[in-house]
Amino acid sequence: MADQTPQPSGDTPDGGNQQISISVDDKIKHGVYANFLVVSHSPHEFTLDFCQILPGAKEGKVKAEVVTRLKIAPTMVGKVIRALNTNMTAYEDKFGMVKEIG
């Protein structure tokens, strides 16, 4: 295992509040690049398919390859949105506004 990073205290799945130490296995520590996201859901879970769209496709045909798929409980969706908003605000405060393309 690599990259053990202490995280601030936060709500845990069991409703408690404790310090969480995150560890990332060496096999996945570098992550994968995604430039497209598909979100779908069922009554019990949300599925997030992170994809890569490669340039140079013929007009009207675009291939999106799923590079990783995450499944999360509906109870996690709000927490993910808040975490992304918090981090996007911090990013833009440091580096400036992100301009959407397309």
C-alpha atoms as a PDB file:
ATOM      1  CA  MET A   1       0.000   0.000   0.000  1.00  0.00           C
ATOM      2  CA  ALA A   2       1.085   3.554  -0.629  1.00  0.00           C
ATOM      3  CA  ASP A   3       0.001   7.127   0.016  1.00  0.00           C
ATOM      4  CA  GLN A   4      -1.512   6.908   3.461  1.00  0.00           C
ATOM      5  CA  THR A   5      -3.011  10.314   4.010  1.00  0.00           C
ATOM      6  CA  PRO A   6      -4.743  11.265   7.246  1.00  0.00           C
ATOM      7  CA  GLN A   7      -8.083  12.852   6.490  1.00  0.00           C
ATOM      8  CA  PRO A   8      -9.972  15.358   8.593  1.00  0.00           C
ATOM      9  CA  SER A   9     -12.611  14.051  10.898  1.00  0.00           C
ATOM     10  CA  GLY A  10     -15.882  13.418   9.175  1.00  0.00           C
ATOM     11  CA  ASP A  11     -19.082  11.453   9.184  1.00  0.00           C
ATOM     12  CA  THR A  12     -18.564   7.730   8.792  1.00  0.00           C
ATOM     13  CA  PRO A  13     -21.039   5.276   7.245  1.00  0.00           C
ATOM     14  CA  ASP A  14     -22.177   4.234  10.724  1.00  0.00           C
ATOM     15  CA  GLY A  15     -23.001   7.849  11.624  1.00  0.00           C
ATOM     16  CA  GLY A  16     -19.956   8.375  13.835  1.00  0.00           C
ATOM     17  CA  ASN A  17     -17.353  11.095  13.574  1.00  0.00           C
ATOM     18  CA  GLN A  18     -13.720   9.924  13.547  1.00  0.00           C
ATOM     19  CA  GLN A  19     -10.302  10.386  11.935  1.00  0.00           C
ATOM     20  CA  ILE A  20     -10.001   8.295   8.758  1.00  0.00           C
ATOM     21  CA  SER A  21      -6.685   7.191   7.267  1.00  0.00           C
ATOM     22  CA  ILE A  22      -6.859   6.658   3.505  1.00  0.00           C
ATOM     23  CA  SER A  23      -4.551   4.139   1.833  1.00  0.00           C
ATOM     24  CA  VAL A  24      -4.117   3.686  -1.913  1.00  0.00           C
ATOM     25  CA  ASP A  25      -2.790   0.443  -3.349  1.00  0.00           C
ATOM     26  CA  ASP A  26       0.310   0.850  -5.536  1.00  0.00           C
ATOM     27  CA  LYS A  27      -1.564  -0.677  -8.497  1.00  0.00           C
ATOM     28  CA  ILE A  28      -4.052   2.200  -8.647  1.00  0.00           C
ATOM     29  CA  LYS A  29      -2.198   5.121  -7.070  1.00  0.00           C
ATOM     30  CA  HIS A  30      -1.623   6.882 -10.401  1.00  0.00           C
ATOM     31  CA  GLY A  31      -5.310   6.761 -11.350  1.00  0.00           C
ATOM     32  CA  VAL A  32      -6.746   6.870 -14.849  1.00  0.00           C
ATOM     33  CA  TYR A  33      -7.724   9.809 -17.041  1.00  0.00           C
ATOM     34  CA  ALA A  34     -11.393  10.383 -17.859  1.00  0.00           C
ATOM     35  CA  ASN A  35     -12.910  13.162 -19.962  1.00  0.00           C
ATOM     36  CA  PHE A  36     -16.534  11.989 -20.044  1.00  0.00           C
ATOM     37  CA  LEU A  37     -18.955  10.786 -17.373  1.00  0.00           C
ATOM     38  CA  VAL A  38     -22.192   8.813 -17.640  1.00  0.00           C
ATOM     39  CA  VAL A  39     -24.427   8.651 -14.570  1.00  0.00           C
ATOM     40  CA  SER A  40     -27.262   6.157 -14.237  1.00  0.00           C
ATOM     41  CA  HIS A  41     -29.259   4.879 -11.290  1.00  0.00           C
ATOM     42  CA  SER A  42     -31.531   2.174  -9.977  1.00  0.00           C
ATOM     43  CA  PRO A  43     -33.629   2.258  -6.810  1.00  0.00           C
ATOM     44  CA  HIS A  44     -30.603   1.009  -4.838  1.00  0.00           C
ATOM     45  CA  GLU A  45     -27.477   2.563  -6.367  1.00  0.00           C
ATOM     46  CA  PHE A  46     -25.968   5.200  -8.609  1.00  0.00           C
ATOM     47  CA  THR A  47     -23.506   4.053 -11.267  1.00  0.00           C
ATOM     48  CA  LEU A  48     -20.805   6.446 -12.451  1.00  0.00           C
ATOM     49  CA  ASP A  49     -19.019   5.367 -15.617  1.00  0.00           C
ATOM     50  CA  PHE A  50     -15.848   7.397 -16.130  1.00  0.00           C
ATOM     51  CA  CYS A  51     -14.868   7.247 -19.798  1.00  0.00           C
ATOM     52  CA  GLN A  52     -12.246   8.376 -22.276  1.00  0.00           C
ATOM     53  CA  ILE A  53     -13.419   9.815 -25.559  1.00  0.00           C
ATOM     54  CA  LEU A  54     -10.690   9.631 -28.168  1.00  0.00           C
ATOM     55  CA  PRO A  55     -10.396  12.390 -30.774  1.00  0.00           C
ATOM     56  CA  GLY A  56     -10.560  11.727 -34.496  1.00  0.00           C
ATOM     57  CA  ALA A  57     -13.813   9.795 -34.679  1.00  0.00           C
ATOM     58  CA  LYS A  58     -15.915   9.961 -37.820  1.00  0.00           C
ATOM     59  CA  GLU A  59     -18.686  12.545 -37.879  1.00  0.00           C
ATOM     60  CA  GLY A  60     -21.641  11.314 -35.834  1.00  0.00           C
ATOM     61  CA  LYS A  61     -19.761   8.380 -34.292  1.00  0.00           C
ATOM     62  CA  VAL A  62     -17.909   8.771 -31.045  1.00  0.00           C
ATOM     63  CA  LYS A  63     -16.455   5.909 -29.038  1.00  0.00           C
ATOM     64  CA  ALA A  64     -16.365   6.322 -25.279  1.00  0.00           C
ATOM     65  CA  GLU A  65     -14.394   3.638 -23.452  1.00  0.00           C
ATOM     66  CA  VAL A  66     -15.250   3.114 -19.784  1.00  0.00           C
ATOM     67  CA  VAL A  67     -12.008   3.295 -17.809  1.00  0.00           C
ATOM     68  CA  THR A  68     -13.591   2.781 -14.403  1.00  0.00           C
ATOM     69  CA  ARG A  69     -17.058   2.237 -12.985  1.00  0.00           C
ATOM     70  CA  LEU A  70     -18.119   3.299  -9.496  1.00  0.00           C
ATOM     71  CA  LYS A  71     -21.311   2.225  -7.792  1.00  0.00           C
ATOM     72  CA  ILE A  72     -22.430   4.263  -4.793  1.00  0.00           C
ATOM     73  CA  ALA A  73     -25.433   4.228  -2.499  1.00  0.00           C
ATOM     74  CA  PRO A  74     -28.012   7.006  -2.971  1.00  0.00           C
ATOM     75  CA  THR A  75     -27.118   8.207   0.540  1.00  0.00           C
ATOM     76  CA  MET A  76     -23.604   9.060  -0.736  1.00  0.00           C
ATOM     77  CA  VAL A  77     -24.652  11.229  -3.701  1.00  0.00           C
ATOM     78  CA  GLY A  78     -25.212  14.417  -1.693  1.00  0.00           C
ATOM     79  CA  LYS A  79     -21.861  13.958   0.073  1.00  0.00           C
ATOM     80  CA  VAL A  80     -20.077  13.504  -3.267  1.00  0.00           C
ATOM     81  CA  ILE A  81     -21.709  16.652  -4.664  1.00  0.00           C
ATOM     82  CA  ARG A  82     -20.759  18.684  -1.570  1.00  0.00           C
ATOM     83  CA  ALA A  83     -17.165  17.380  -1.657  1.00  0.00           C
ATOM     84  CA  LEU A  84     -16.844  18.268  -5.349  1.00  0.00           C
ATOM     85  CA  ASN A  85     -18.312  21.749  -4.765  1.00  0.00           C
ATOM     86  CA  THR A  86     -15.956  22.391  -1.855  1.00  0.00           C
ATOM     87  CA  ASN A  87     -12.930  21.259  -3.835  1.00  0.00           C
ATOM     88  CA  MET A  88     -13.958  23.111  -7.008  1.00  0.00           C
ATOM     89  CA  THR A  89     -14.312  26.324  -5.012  1.00  0.00           C
ATOM     90  CA  ALA A  90     -10.853  25.814  -3.477  1.00  0.00           C
ATOM     91  CA  TYR A  91      -9.396  25.031  -6.920  1.00  0.00           C
ATOM     92  CA  GLU A  92     -10.903  28.161  -8.502  1.00  0.00           C
ATOM     93  CA  ASP A  93      -9.801  30.315  -5.564  1.00  0.00           C
ATOM     94  CA  LYS A  94      -6.238  29.148  -6.187  1.00  0.00           C
ATOM     95  CA  PHE A  95      -6.096  28.838 -10.001  1.00  0.00           C
ATOM     96  CA  GLY A  96      -8.969  30.960 -11.313  1.00  0.00           C
ATOM     97  CA  MET A  97     -12.338  30.152 -12.817  1.00  0.00           C
ATOM     98  CA  VAL A  98     -12.639  27.025 -14.947  1.00  0.00           C
ATOM     99  CA  LYS A  99     -14.210  27.677 -18.333  1.00  0.00           C
ATOM    100  CA  GLU A 100     -16.372  24.871 -19.662  1.00  0.00           C
ATOM    101  CA  ILE A 101     -15.742  23.818 -23.240  1.00  0.00           C
ATOM    102  CA  GLY A 102     -18.528  22.513 -25.455  1.00  0.00           C
END
